[in-house]
Amino acid sequence: MPSQSVSIHYNMSTEEYQVAVVGGGVIGTCAAYSLVKAGKKTVLLDQFTVPHAHGSSGGMTRITRTANSGPPQLTPIMDDAFKQWLKISDIVNQELISFAPMLVVSHELEDIKNMAISVERTGHTPNWLTPEETNAKYMTRFPKDSVMFEDTTAGELYRSAGGTLLESWPVKEVETGHPLITLRGPQGVIRAKGLILCPGPWASNLLMPLGVNLPLRYWYFDNIFDFLLSTMRTKSFYWKIKDEFPHSAFVGWGAKHVGLHDGKYVRIDGEEPDLSLLREQVVAYFTKYFPVLGDKPVDEELCWYTITPDEEFILDCHPQHNNIVYAVGFSGTVMCLSDK
């Protein structure tokens, strides 16, 4: 986001912009920031007060890295996003990134080799460790058949710059048109020449009336557990093992944040699901491999994931209206791709 102070408006008048961005998550704020840098009069709308826990981000921190477990085409984007974060840090004159190694662990040699190659492609060198070295350094209990390395470029993002924002501004209706698109909601009317939709779990509510029916699924899950911690030396840990569920975690100031990459498929407007079994699984997993954490989390946060069947994101233009772009299904990917 740009370095101006946040401005919140609630007037019911009609305002016009060059571009309207709906959804103040990572993708939406990155898009709005890029547009503002390009000199476009831009409005960013979110139905909640930012920041909030109604999307796929948990807590006030983010992790960025160059170890890529996804499509190789994302590696240069991840590297550029990391460099953009450093530029933003200089612009706002604030420390936005806390540098720390990320520990990558797997039983699948091919997977971890691909992640190491992605680090090398950005001009850095992965630091390979044996299970014995890892367990001694990080006070863990990984088995001897584990393969692991440190990504020394990983960092924890804990502040975001300001920008022009309309908070508590839910968009209820999108009326297509040229040259202007009209957005209507309880707070008023917005008109813009271009529209970018980044609405997360509410994507279908806005896209289906426009004739775009995407195969989106909504995943509600325990995103962050906080364990008290004083001895762990890494701020980021990525674990992928075939016969168990994948997790990711990072250390904050005085606590270890553990994210379980599992949940239940639900309707966005349905009842809150029972996640008690998942809570038991994540506690059992981390007390097994990270005995320094203790056996009970001190805090817990929940979030929504919006995913496609193949878990790859969708970025496209409306087939009939080229002034409408939508970006959906970025949950679990976007944290390494955007300079929020």
C-alpha atoms as a PDB file:
ATOM      1  CA  MET A   1       0.000   0.000   0.000  1.00  0.00           C
ATOM      2  CA  PRO A   2       1.211   3.588  -0.588  1.00  0.00           C
ATOM      3  CA  SER A   3       2.583   5.796   2.131  1.00  0.00           C
ATOM      4  CA  GLN A   4      -0.418   8.165   2.543  1.00  0.00           C
ATOM      5  CA  SER A   5      -2.457   7.979   5.727  1.00  0.00           C
ATOM      6  CA  VAL A   6      -5.601   5.869   5.653  1.00  0.00           C
ATOM      7  CA  SER A   7      -8.800   7.791   4.899  1.00  0.00           C
ATOM      8  CA  ILE A   8     -12.200   6.301   5.732  1.00  0.00           C
ATOM      9  CA  HIS A   9     -15.365   7.669   4.139  1.00  0.00           C
ATOM     10  CA  TYR A  10     -19.027   6.939   4.757  1.00  0.00           C
ATOM     11  CA  ASN A  11     -20.828   9.462   2.566  1.00  0.00           C
ATOM     12  CA  MET A  12     -23.728   8.311   0.393  1.00  0.00           C
ATOM     13  CA  SER A  13     -22.781  10.366  -2.646  1.00  0.00           C
ATOM     14  CA  THR A  14     -21.617   8.949  -5.957  1.00  0.00           C
ATOM     15  CA  GLU A  15     -17.862   9.104  -6.478  1.00  0.00           C
ATOM     16  CA  GLU A  16     -15.910   8.342  -9.654  1.00  0.00           C
ATOM     17  CA  TYR A  17     -12.490   6.719  -9.979  1.00  0.00           C
ATOM     18  CA  GLN A  18     -10.322   5.354 -12.720  1.00  0.00           C
ATOM     19  CA  VAL A  19     -10.162   1.943 -11.028  1.00  0.00           C
ATOM     20  CA  ALA A  20     -12.097   0.354  -8.165  1.00  0.00           C
ATOM     21  CA  VAL A  21     -10.604  -2.620  -6.323  1.00  0.00           C
ATOM     22  CA  VAL A  22     -13.002  -4.767  -4.294  1.00  0.00           C
ATOM     23  CA  GLY A  23     -11.387  -6.760  -1.486  1.00  0.00           C
ATOM     24  CA  GLY A  24      -8.694  -5.469   0.866  1.00  0.00           C
ATOM     25  CA  GLY A  25      -6.729  -8.697   1.207  1.00  0.00           C
ATOM     26  CA  VAL A  26      -3.166  -9.223   0.025  1.00  0.00           C
ATOM     27  CA  ILE A  27      -4.042  -9.356  -3.683  1.00  0.00           C
ATOM     28  CA  GLY A  28      -6.443  -6.406  -3.501  1.00  0.00           C
ATOM     29  CA  THR A  29      -4.086  -4.134  -1.599  1.00  0.00           C
ATOM     30  CA  CYS A  30      -1.174  -5.083  -3.851  1.00  0.00           C
ATOM     31  CA  ALA A  31      -3.269  -4.284  -6.930  1.00  0.00           C
ATOM     32  CA  ALA A  32      -4.407  -0.957  -5.467  1.00  0.00           C
ATOM     33  CA  TYR A  33      -0.851  -0.030  -4.493  1.00  0.00           C
ATOM     34  CA  SER A  34       0.447  -0.825  -7.994  1.00  0.00           C
ATOM     35  CA  LEU A  35      -2.318   1.266  -9.565  1.00  0.00           C
ATOM     36  CA  VAL A  36      -1.611   4.234  -7.295  1.00  0.00           C
ATOM     37  CA  LYS A  37       2.093   4.009  -8.147  1.00  0.00           C
ATOM     38  CA  ALA A  38       1.098   4.094 -11.822  1.00  0.00           C
ATOM     39  CA  GLY A  39      -0.774   7.349 -11.235  1.00  0.00           C
ATOM     40  CA  LYS A  40      -4.317   5.955 -11.375  1.00  0.00           C
ATOM     41  CA  LYS A  41      -7.081   7.416  -9.203  1.00  0.00           C
ATOM     42  CA  THR A  42      -7.925   4.274  -7.264  1.00  0.00           C
ATOM     43  CA  VAL A  43     -10.385   3.303  -4.563  1.00  0.00           C
ATOM     44  CA  LEU A  44      -9.974   0.147  -2.464  1.00  0.00           C
ATOM     45  CA  LEU A  45     -13.160  -1.178  -0.849  1.00  0.00           C
ATOM     46  CA  ASP A  46     -13.503  -3.777   1.886  1.00  0.00           C
ATOM     47  CA  GLN A  47     -16.682  -4.884   3.646  1.00  0.00           C
ATOM     48  CA  PHE A  48     -14.891  -5.117   6.996  1.00  0.00           C
ATOM     49  CA  THR A  49     -12.624  -2.871   9.031  1.00  0.00           C
ATOM     50  CA  VAL A  50      -9.042  -3.604   8.003  1.00  0.00           C
ATOM     51  CA  PRO A  51      -7.217  -5.612   9.254  1.00  0.00           C
ATOM     52  CA  HIS A  52      -9.599  -8.498   9.942  1.00  0.00           C
ATOM     53  CA  ALA A  53      -9.622 -12.311  10.127  1.00  0.00           C
ATOM     54  CA  HIS A  54     -12.326 -13.019   7.534  1.00  0.00           C
ATOM     55  CA  GLY A  55      -9.918 -14.040   4.775  1.00  0.00           C
ATOM     56  CA  SER A  56      -7.069 -16.511   4.420  1.00  0.00           C
ATOM     57  CA  SER A  57      -4.490 -14.478   6.338  1.00  0.00           C
ATOM     58  CA  GLY A  58      -4.026 -15.193  10.023  1.00  0.00           C
ATOM     59  CA  GLY A  59      -2.710 -12.660  12.496  1.00  0.00           C
ATOM     60  CA  MET A  60      -0.768  -9.470  11.829  1.00  0.00           C
ATOM     61  CA  THR A  61       2.291 -11.091  10.230  1.00  0.00           C
ATOM     62  CA  ARG A  62       3.172 -12.578   6.857  1.00  0.00           C
ATOM     63  CA  ILE A  63       5.985 -14.813   5.652  1.00  0.00           C
ATOM     64  CA  THR A  64       7.857 -14.268   2.409  1.00  0.00           C
ATOM     65  CA  ARG A  65      10.491 -16.578   1.012  1.00  0.00           C
ATOM     66  CA  THR A  66      12.132 -17.728  -2.225  1.00  0.00           C
ATOM     67  CA  ALA A  67      11.728 -21.479  -1.557  1.00  0.00           C
ATOM     68  CA  ASN A  68       8.889 -22.218  -3.979  1.00  0.00           C
ATOM     69  CA  SER A  69       6.813 -25.398  -3.631  1.00  0.00           C
ATOM     70  CA  GLY A  70       4.419 -24.382  -6.422  1.00  0.00           C
ATOM     71  CA  PRO A  71       4.736 -23.886 -10.196  1.00  0.00           C
ATOM     72  CA  PRO A  72       8.261 -22.758 -11.216  1.00  0.00           C
ATOM     73  CA  GLN A  73       6.776 -19.725 -12.997  1.00  0.00           C
ATOM     74  CA  LEU A  74       6.093 -18.233  -9.560  1.00  0.00           C
ATOM     75  CA  THR A  75       9.781 -18.147  -8.531  1.00  0.00           C
ATOM     76  CA  PRO A  76      10.709 -14.855 -10.292  1.00  0.00           C
ATOM     77  CA  ILE A  77       7.456 -13.277  -9.047  1.00  0.00           C
ATOM     78  CA  MET A  78       8.318 -14.274  -5.466  1.00  0.00           C
ATOM     79  CA  ASP A  79      11.812 -12.833  -5.879  1.00  0.00           C
ATOM     80  CA  ASP A  80      10.443  -9.548  -7.252  1.00  0.00           C
ATOM     81  CA  ALA A  81       7.857  -9.316  -4.449  1.00  0.00           C
ATOM     82  CA  PHE A  82      10.642  -9.671  -1.880  1.00  0.00           C
ATOM     83  CA  LYS A  83      12.556  -6.804  -3.518  1.00  0.00           C
ATOM     84  CA  GLN A  84       9.397  -4.669  -3.590  1.00  0.00           C
ATOM     85  CA  TRP A  85       8.991  -5.173   0.153  1.00  0.00           C
ATOM     86  CA  LEU A  86      12.472  -3.775   0.685  1.00  0.00           C
ATOM     87  CA  LYS A  87      11.576  -0.720  -1.428  1.00  0.00           C
ATOM     88  CA  ILE A  88       8.384  -0.142   0.572  1.00  0.00           C
ATOM     89  CA  SER A  89      10.401  -0.369   3.779  1.00  0.00           C
ATOM     90  CA  ASP A  90      12.620   2.463   2.530  1.00  0.00           C
ATOM     91  CA  ILE A  91       9.637   4.574   1.409  1.00  0.00           C
ATOM     92  CA  VAL A  92       7.828   4.476   4.767  1.00  0.00           C
ATOM     93  CA  ASN A  93      11.102   4.501   6.741  1.00  0.00           C
ATOM     94  CA  GLN A  94      10.008   1.523   8.835  1.00  0.00           C
ATOM     95  CA  GLU A  95      11.405  -1.959   9.369  1.00  0.00           C
ATOM     96  CA  LEU A  96       8.894  -4.196   7.588  1.00  0.00           C
ATOM     97  CA  ILE A  97      10.926  -7.393   7.316  1.00  0.00           C
ATOM     98  CA  SER A  98      12.591  -9.321  10.109  1.00  0.00           C
ATOM     99  CA  PHE A  99      15.190 -11.518   8.436  1.00  0.00           C
ATOM    100  CA  ALA A 100      15.393 -15.107   9.632  1.00  0.00           C
ATOM    101  CA  PRO A 101      16.099 -18.482   8.041  1.00  0.00           C
ATOM    102  CA  MET A 102      13.189 -20.732   7.118  1.00  0.00           C
ATOM    103  CA  LEU A 103      13.587 -24.445   7.760  1.00  0.00           C
ATOM    104  CA  VAL A 104      12.205 -26.646   4.959  1.00  0.00           C
ATOM    105  CA  VAL A 105      11.641 -30.322   5.852  1.00  0.00           C
ATOM    106  CA  SER A 106      10.334 -33.204   3.728  1.00  0.00           C
ATOM    107  CA  HIS A 107      10.382 -36.966   3.207  1.00  0.00           C
ATOM    108  CA  GLU A 108      10.004 -36.405  -0.542  1.00  0.00           C
ATOM    109  CA  LEU A 109      13.480 -35.804  -2.001  1.00  0.00           C
ATOM    110  CA  GLU A 110      12.177 -34.577  -5.365  1.00  0.00           C
ATOM    111  CA  ASP A 111       9.904 -31.968  -3.763  1.00  0.00           C
ATOM    112  CA  ILE A 112      12.610 -30.497  -1.576  1.00  0.00           C
ATOM    113  CA  LYS A 113      15.095 -30.468  -4.469  1.00  0.00           C
ATOM    114  CA  ASN A 114      12.654 -28.363  -6.496  1.00  0.00           C
ATOM    115  CA  MET A 115      12.275 -25.919  -3.610  1.00  0.00           C
ATOM    116  CA  ALA A 116      16.063 -25.665  -3.275  1.00  0.00           C
ATOM    117  CA  ILE A 117      16.386 -25.008  -7.017  1.00  0.00           C
ATOM    118  CA  SER A 118      13.904 -22.133  -6.708  1.00  0.00           C
ATOM    119  CA  VAL A 119      16.124 -20.569  -4.024  1.00  0.00           C
ATOM    120  CA  GLU A 120      19.190 -20.923  -6.275  1.00  0.00           C
ATOM    121  CA  ARG A 121      17.357 -19.288  -9.195  1.00  0.00           C
ATOM    122  CA  THR A 122      16.988 -16.110  -7.149  1.00  0.00           C
ATOM    123  CA  GLY A 123      20.754 -15.964  -6.597  1.00  0.00           C
ATOM    124  CA  HIS A 124      20.850 -17.480  -3.110  1.00  0.00           C
ATOM    125  CA  THR A 125      22.241 -20.718  -1.714  1.00  0.00           C
ATOM    126  CA  PRO A 126      20.159 -23.164   0.354  1.00  0.00           C
ATOM    127  CA  ASN A 127      21.894 -24.358   3.503  1.00  0.00           C
ATOM    128  CA  TRP A 128      21.485 -28.151   3.623  1.00  0.00           C
ATOM    129  CA  LEU A 129      21.346 -29.780   7.063  1.00  0.00           C
ATOM    130  CA  THR A 130      21.315 -33.353   8.321  1.00  0.00           C
ATOM    131  CA  PRO A 131      18.506 -34.478  10.662  1.00  0.00           C
ATOM    132  CA  GLU A 132      21.044 -34.598  13.484  1.00  0.00           C
ATOM    133  CA  GLU A 133      22.195 -31.025  12.814  1.00  0.00           C
ATOM    134  CA  THR A 134      18.607 -29.796  12.583  1.00  0.00           C
ATOM    135  CA  ASN A 135      17.486 -31.490  15.798  1.00  0.00           C
ATOM    136  CA  ALA A 136      20.495 -30.106  17.667  1.00  0.00           C
ATOM    137  CA  LYS A 137      20.075 -26.576  16.301  1.00  0.00           C
ATOM    138  CA  TYR A 138      16.288 -26.249  16.547  1.00  0.00           C
ATOM    139  CA  MET A 139      15.542 -28.632  19.434  1.00  0.00           C
ATOM    140  CA  THR A 140      13.299 -30.770  17.213  1.00  0.00           C
ATOM    141  CA  ARG A 141      12.711 -34.525  16.803  1.00  0.00           C
ATOM    142  CA  PHE A 142      12.758 -35.169  13.080  1.00  0.00           C
ATOM    143  CA  PRO A 143      13.424 -38.788  12.001  1.00  0.00           C
ATOM    144  CA  LYS A 144      16.623 -39.826  10.234  1.00  0.00           C
ATOM    145  CA  ASP A 145      14.936 -40.211   6.839  1.00  0.00           C
ATOM    146  CA  SER A 146      13.996 -36.500   6.751  1.00  0.00           C
ATOM    147  CA  VAL A 147      15.601 -34.121   4.247  1.00  0.00           C
ATOM    148  CA  MET A 148      15.929 -30.444   5.094  1.00  0.00           C
ATOM    149  CA  PHE A 149      17.544 -27.110   4.254  1.00  0.00           C
ATOM    150  CA  GLU A 150      17.423 -23.484   5.420  1.00  0.00           C
ATOM    151  CA  ASP A 151      16.159 -20.729   3.126  1.00  0.00           C
ATOM    152  CA  THR A 152      18.127 -17.740   4.419  1.00  0.00           C
ATOM    153  CA  THR A 153      16.009 -15.233   2.445  1.00  0.00           C
ATOM    154  CA  ALA A 154      12.799 -15.862   4.410  1.00  0.00           C
ATOM    155  CA  GLY A 155      11.370 -12.931   6.394  1.00  0.00           C
ATOM    156  CA  GLU A 156       8.375 -12.063   8.618  1.00  0.00           C
ATOM    157  CA  LEU A 157       6.275  -9.129   7.446  1.00  0.00           C
ATOM    158  CA  TYR A 158       4.654  -7.344  10.379  1.00  0.00           C
ATOM    159  CA  ARG A 159       3.688  -3.849   9.250  1.00  0.00           C
ATOM    160  CA  SER A 160       1.911  -2.530   6.192  1.00  0.00           C
ATOM    161  CA  ALA A 161       2.001   0.970   4.754  1.00  0.00           C
ATOM    162  CA  GLY A 162      -1.137   3.101   4.561  1.00  0.00           C
ATOM    163  CA  GLY A 163      -3.310   4.054   1.616  1.00  0.00           C
ATOM    164  CA  THR A 164      -6.700   5.307   0.480  1.00  0.00           C
ATOM    165  CA  LEU A 165      -9.335   2.884   1.706  1.00  0.00           C
ATOM    166  CA  LEU A 166     -13.117   2.659   2.101  1.00  0.00           C
ATOM    167  CA  GLU A 167     -13.716   0.351   5.049  1.00  0.00           C
ATOM    168  CA  SER A 168     -17.020  -1.260   6.081  1.00  0.00           C
ATOM    169  CA  TRP A 169     -18.129  -0.784   2.464  1.00  0.00           C
ATOM    170  CA  PRO A 170     -19.728  -4.064   1.274  1.00  0.00           C
ATOM    171  CA  VAL A 171     -20.432  -4.211  -2.452  1.00  0.00           C
ATOM    172  CA  LYS A 172     -23.915  -5.641  -3.007  1.00  0.00           C
ATOM    173  CA  GLU A 173     -24.317  -5.078  -6.744  1.00  0.00           C
ATOM    174  CA  VAL A 174     -22.036  -4.660  -9.755  1.00  0.00           C
ATOM    175  CA  GLU A 175     -23.549  -3.056 -12.858  1.00  0.00           C
ATOM    176  CA  THR A 176     -21.395  -3.502 -15.930  1.00  0.00           C
ATOM    177  CA  GLY A 177     -20.986  -0.698 -18.418  1.00  0.00           C
ATOM    178  CA  HIS A 178     -18.718   1.358 -20.656  1.00  0.00           C
ATOM    179  CA  PRO A 179     -17.140   3.715 -19.944  1.00  0.00           C
ATOM    180  CA  LEU A 180     -18.192   3.370 -16.282  1.00  0.00           C
ATOM    181  CA  ILE A 181     -18.938   0.397 -14.029  1.00  0.00           C
ATOM    182  CA  THR A 182     -21.286   1.049 -11.102  1.00  0.00           C
ATOM    183  CA  LEU A 183     -20.846  -0.473  -7.631  1.00  0.00           C
ATOM    184  CA  ARG A 184     -23.711  -0.220  -5.165  1.00  0.00           C
ATOM    185  CA  GLY A 185     -23.775  -0.869  -1.446  1.00  0.00           C
ATOM    186  CA  PRO A 186     -25.299   0.376   1.818  1.00  0.00           C
ATOM    187  CA  GLN A 187     -22.724   3.176   1.987  1.00  0.00           C
ATOM    188  CA  GLY A 188     -23.458   4.611  -1.445  1.00  0.00           C
ATOM    189  CA  VAL A 189     -22.445   4.302  -5.077  1.00  0.00           C
ATOM    190  CA  ILE A 190     -19.002   4.105  -6.669  1.00  0.00           C
ATOM    191  CA  ARG A 191     -18.331   4.434 -10.388  1.00  0.00           C
ATOM    192  CA  ALA A 192     -15.073   3.517 -12.071  1.00  0.00           C
ATOM    193  CA  LYS A 193     -13.708   2.933 -15.554  1.00  0.00           C
ATOM    194  CA  GLY A 194     -12.114  -0.330 -14.450  1.00  0.00           C
ATOM    195  CA  LEU A 195     -12.902  -2.926 -11.785  1.00  0.00           C
ATOM    196  CA  ILE A 196     -10.656  -5.482 -10.094  1.00  0.00           C
ATOM    197  CA  LEU A 197     -12.462  -8.105  -8.008  1.00  0.00           C
ATOM    198  CA  CYS A 198     -10.417  -9.763  -5.253  1.00  0.00           C
ATOM    199  CA  PRO A 199     -13.258 -10.749  -2.897  1.00  0.00           C
ATOM    200  CA  GLY A 200     -11.892 -13.977  -1.416  1.00  0.00           C
ATOM    201  CA  PRO A 201     -14.651 -16.224  -0.007  1.00  0.00           C
ATOM    202  CA  TRP A 202     -17.313 -13.866  -1.376  1.00  0.00           C
ATOM    203  CA  ALA A 203     -16.130 -14.267  -4.987  1.00  0.00           C
ATOM    204  CA  SER A 204     -19.117 -16.321  -6.140  1.00  0.00           C
ATOM    205  CA  ASN A 205     -21.576 -13.788  -4.696  1.00  0.00           C
ATOM    206  CA  LEU A 206     -20.166 -11.100  -7.002  1.00  0.00           C
ATOM    207  CA  LEU A 207     -19.067 -13.148 -10.019  1.00  0.00           C
ATOM    208  CA  MET A 208     -22.096 -15.389 -10.581  1.00  0.00           C
ATOM    209  CA  PRO A 209     -24.491 -12.456 -11.224  1.00  0.00           C
ATOM    210  CA  LEU A 210     -21.952 -11.319 -13.843  1.00  0.00           C
ATOM    211  CA  GLY A 211     -22.154 -14.692 -15.609  1.00  0.00           C
ATOM    212  CA  VAL A 212     -18.845 -16.050 -14.274  1.00  0.00           C
ATOM    213  CA  ASN A 213     -19.276 -19.399 -12.505  1.00  0.00           C
ATOM    214  CA  LEU A 214     -15.951 -20.647 -11.147  1.00  0.00           C
ATOM    215  CA  PRO A 215     -15.282 -23.998  -9.387  1.00  0.00           C
ATOM    216  CA  LEU A 216     -14.427 -22.382  -6.064  1.00  0.00           C
ATOM    217  CA  ARG A 217     -14.497 -24.138  -2.706  1.00  0.00           C
ATOM    218  CA  TYR A 218     -14.342 -22.533   0.699  1.00  0.00           C
ATOM    219  CA  TRP A 219     -12.212 -24.084   3.376  1.00  0.00           C
ATOM    220  CA  TYR A 220     -12.651 -23.066   7.021  1.00  0.00           C
ATOM    221  CA  PHE A 221      -9.809 -24.080   9.257  1.00  0.00           C
ATOM    222  CA  ASP A 222      -7.637 -23.448  12.289  1.00  0.00           C
ATOM    223  CA  ASN A 223      -4.973 -21.194  10.873  1.00  0.00           C
ATOM    224  CA  ILE A 224      -2.859 -20.120  13.804  1.00  0.00           C
ATOM    225  CA  PHE A 225      -2.111 -21.622  17.197  1.00  0.00           C
ATOM    226  CA  ASP A 226       0.241 -19.743  19.526  1.00  0.00           C
ATOM    227  CA  PHE A 227       2.584 -21.762  21.724  1.00  0.00           C
ATOM    228  CA  LEU A 228       4.730 -19.990  24.304  1.00  0.00           C
ATOM    229  CA  LEU A 229       8.354 -20.205  23.289  1.00  0.00           C
ATOM    230  CA  SER A 230      11.736 -18.953  24.398  1.00  0.00           C
ATOM    231  CA  THR A 231      14.323 -21.257  22.817  1.00  0.00           C
ATOM    232  CA  MET A 232      13.409 -21.824  19.153  1.00  0.00           C
ATOM    233  CA  ARG A 233      15.892 -20.219  16.758  1.00  0.00           C
ATOM    234  CA  THR A 234      13.971 -20.148  13.481  1.00  0.00           C
ATOM    235  CA  LYS A 235      11.093 -17.850  12.584  1.00  0.00           C
ATOM    236  CA  SER A 236       9.732 -19.965   9.765  1.00  0.00           C
ATOM    237  CA  PHE A 237       9.271 -23.692   9.299  1.00  0.00           C
ATOM    238  CA  TYR A 238       7.806 -25.483   6.282  1.00  0.00           C
ATOM    239  CA  TRP A 239       6.976 -29.180   6.616  1.00  0.00           C
ATOM    240  CA  LYS A 240       5.632 -31.369   3.834  1.00  0.00           C
ATOM    241  CA  ILE A 241       5.372 -35.096   4.361  1.00  0.00           C
ATOM    242  CA  LYS A 242       3.246 -37.501   2.316  1.00  0.00           C
ATOM    243  CA  ASP A 243       1.801 -39.657   5.088  1.00  0.00           C
ATOM    244  CA  GLU A 244       0.845 -36.726   7.317  1.00  0.00           C
ATOM    245  CA  PHE A 245      -0.823 -33.399   6.666  1.00  0.00           C
ATOM    246  CA  PRO A 246       1.337 -30.357   5.776  1.00  0.00           C
ATOM    247  CA  HIS A 247       1.852 -27.476   8.148  1.00  0.00           C
ATOM    248  CA  SER A 248       3.691 -24.201   8.240  1.00  0.00           C
ATOM    249  CA  ALA A 249       4.746 -22.143  11.201  1.00  0.00           C
ATOM    250  CA  PHE A 250       6.748 -19.112  12.202  1.00  0.00           C
ATOM    251  CA  VAL A 251       8.005 -17.574  15.402  1.00  0.00           C
ATOM    252  CA  GLY A 252       6.790 -14.199  16.553  1.00  0.00           C
ATOM    253  CA  TRP A 253       8.076 -12.282  19.540  1.00  0.00           C
ATOM    254  CA  GLY A 254       7.812 -14.752  22.433  1.00  0.00           C
ATOM    255  CA  ALA A 255       5.476 -17.270  20.821  1.00  0.00           C
ATOM    256  CA  LYS A 256       5.531 -19.805  18.025  1.00  0.00           C
ATOM    257  CA  HIS A 257       2.691 -19.480  15.513  1.00  0.00           C
ATOM    258  CA  VAL A 258       1.641 -22.832  14.111  1.00  0.00           C
ATOM    259  CA  GLY A 259      -0.549 -23.024  11.016  1.00  0.00           C
ATOM    260  CA  LEU A 260      -2.440 -26.208  10.139  1.00  0.00           C
ATOM    261  CA  HIS A 261      -2.992 -26.556   6.388  1.00  0.00           C
ATOM    262  CA  ASP A 262      -6.182 -28.554   6.728  1.00  0.00           C
ATOM    263  CA  GLY A 263      -9.830 -27.861   7.410  1.00  0.00           C
ATOM    264  CA  LYS A 264     -13.409 -28.502   6.306  1.00  0.00           C
ATOM    265  CA  TYR A 265     -15.229 -27.460   3.156  1.00  0.00           C
ATOM    266  CA  VAL A 266     -18.153 -25.236   4.066  1.00  0.00           C
ATOM    267  CA  ARG A 267     -20.618 -22.734   2.652  1.00  0.00           C
ATOM    268  CA  ILE A 268     -19.606 -19.125   3.205  1.00  0.00           C
ATOM    269  CA  ASP A 269     -23.062 -18.407   4.645  1.00  0.00           C
ATOM    270  CA  GLY A 270     -23.389 -21.703   6.528  1.00  0.00           C
ATOM    271  CA  GLU A 271     -22.871 -22.705  10.152  1.00  0.00           C
ATOM    272  CA  GLU A 272     -19.425 -22.730  11.737  1.00  0.00           C
ATOM    273  CA  PRO A 273     -18.051 -26.299  11.508  1.00  0.00           C
ATOM    274  CA  ASP A 274     -16.729 -28.433  14.349  1.00  0.00           C
ATOM    275  CA  LEU A 275     -12.908 -28.325  14.189  1.00  0.00           C
ATOM    276  CA  SER A 276     -12.173 -30.076  17.489  1.00  0.00           C
ATOM    277  CA  LEU A 277     -10.530 -33.093  15.797  1.00  0.00           C
ATOM    278  CA  LEU A 278      -8.221 -30.850  13.767  1.00  0.00           C
ATOM    279  CA  ARG A 279      -7.220 -29.020  16.935  1.00  0.00           C
ATOM    280  CA  GLU A 280      -6.254 -32.330  18.541  1.00  0.00           C
ATOM    281  CA  GLN A 281      -4.240 -33.333  15.457  1.00  0.00           C
ATOM    282  CA  VAL A 282      -2.198 -30.148  15.260  1.00  0.00           C
ATOM    283  CA  VAL A 283      -1.351 -30.187  18.971  1.00  0.00           C
ATOM    284  CA  ALA A 284      -0.305 -33.853  18.763  1.00  0.00           C
ATOM    285  CA  TYR A 285       1.811 -33.198  15.664  1.00  0.00           C
ATOM    286  CA  PHE A 286       3.793 -30.321  17.061  1.00  0.00           C
ATOM    287  CA  THR A 287       4.316 -31.780  20.511  1.00  0.00           C
ATOM    288  CA  LYS A 288       5.771 -34.840  18.731  1.00  0.00           C
ATOM    289  CA  TYR A 289       8.256 -32.942  16.559  1.00  0.00           C
ATOM    290  CA  PHE A 290       8.718 -29.758  18.646  1.00  0.00           C
ATOM    291  CA  PRO A 291       8.841 -30.836  22.308  1.00  0.00           C
ATOM    292  CA  VAL A 292       9.924 -27.336  23.400  1.00  0.00           C
ATOM    293  CA  LEU A 293       6.456 -25.996  22.560  1.00  0.00           C
ATOM    294  CA  GLY A 294       4.534 -27.646  25.365  1.00  0.00           C
ATOM    295  CA  ASP A 295       1.202 -29.390  24.918  1.00  0.00           C
ATOM    296  CA  LYS A 296      -1.323 -26.541  24.951  1.00  0.00           C
ATOM    297  CA  PRO A 297      -1.666 -23.476  22.691  1.00  0.00           C
ATOM    298  CA  VAL A 298      -2.235 -20.142  24.430  1.00  0.00           C
ATOM    299  CA  ASP A 299      -4.208 -18.588  21.580  1.00  0.00           C
ATOM    300  CA  GLU A 300      -6.022 -19.577  18.396  1.00  0.00           C
ATOM    301  CA  GLU A 301      -7.200 -17.851  15.210  1.00  0.00           C
ATOM    302  CA  LEU A 302      -9.419 -19.123  12.405  1.00  0.00           C
ATOM    303  CA  CYS A 303      -9.580 -18.117   8.761  1.00  0.00           C
ATOM    304  CA  TRP A 304     -11.148 -18.878   5.379  1.00  0.00           C
ATOM    305  CA  TYR A 305      -9.384 -20.346   2.362  1.00  0.00           C
ATOM    306  CA  THR A 306     -10.760 -19.901  -1.153  1.00  0.00           C
ATOM    307  CA  ILE A 307      -9.361 -22.603  -3.423  1.00  0.00           C
ATOM    308  CA  THR A 308      -9.891 -24.210  -6.822  1.00  0.00           C
ATOM    309  CA  PRO A 309      -9.975 -28.007  -7.384  1.00  0.00           C
ATOM    310  CA  ASP A 310      -6.295 -28.064  -8.425  1.00  0.00           C
ATOM    311  CA  GLU A 311      -5.391 -25.438  -5.772  1.00  0.00           C
ATOM    312  CA  GLU A 312      -3.995 -23.069  -8.434  1.00  0.00           C
ATOM    313  CA  PHE A 313      -5.276 -19.490  -8.555  1.00  0.00           C
ATOM    314  CA  ILE A 314      -7.394 -17.934 -11.312  1.00  0.00           C
ATOM    315  CA  LEU A 315      -6.500 -14.507 -12.755  1.00  0.00           C
ATOM    316  CA  ASP A 316      -8.584 -13.471 -15.749  1.00  0.00           C
ATOM    317  CA  CYS A 317     -10.711 -10.833 -17.489  1.00  0.00           C
ATOM    318  CA  HIS A 318     -14.476 -11.042 -17.786  1.00  0.00           C
ATOM    319  CA  PRO A 319     -15.241 -12.695 -21.162  1.00  0.00           C
ATOM    320  CA  GLN A 320     -17.689  -9.948 -22.216  1.00  0.00           C
ATOM    321  CA  HIS A 321     -16.406  -6.936 -20.274  1.00  0.00           C
ATOM    322  CA  ASN A 322     -12.688  -6.256 -20.674  1.00  0.00           C
ATOM    323  CA  ASN A 323     -12.755  -3.548 -18.003  1.00  0.00           C
ATOM    324  CA  ILE A 324     -13.410  -6.169 -15.285  1.00  0.00           C
ATOM    325  CA  VAL A 325     -10.601  -8.352 -13.930  1.00  0.00           C
ATOM    326  CA  TYR A 326     -10.953 -10.973 -11.199  1.00  0.00           C
ATOM    327  CA  ALA A 327      -8.342 -12.676  -9.024  1.00  0.00           C
ATOM    328  CA  VAL A 328      -9.467 -15.645  -6.914  1.00  0.00           C
ATOM    329  CA  GLY A 329      -8.082 -18.795  -5.316  1.00  0.00           C
ATOM    330  CA  PHE A 330      -4.815 -17.265  -4.092  1.00  0.00           C
ATOM    331  CA  SER A 331      -5.091 -18.630  -0.541  1.00  0.00           C
ATOM    332  CA  GLY A 332      -1.802 -20.183   0.566  1.00  0.00           C
ATOM    333  CA  THR A 333       0.082 -18.708  -2.413  1.00  0.00           C
ATOM    334  CA  VAL A 334      -0.281 -14.966  -2.255  1.00  0.00           C
ATOM    335  CA  MET A 335       1.809 -14.371   0.890  1.00  0.00           C
ATOM    336  CA  CYS A 336       4.963 -14.814  -1.195  1.00  0.00           C
ATOM    337  CA  LEU A 337       3.764 -12.989  -4.312  1.00  0.00           C
ATOM    338  CA  SER A 338       2.459  -9.602  -3.174  1.00  0.00           C
ATOM    339  CA  ASP A 339       3.884  -6.466  -1.628  1.00  0.00           C
ATOM    340  CA  LYS A 340       0.875  -5.607   0.529  1.00  0.00           C
END
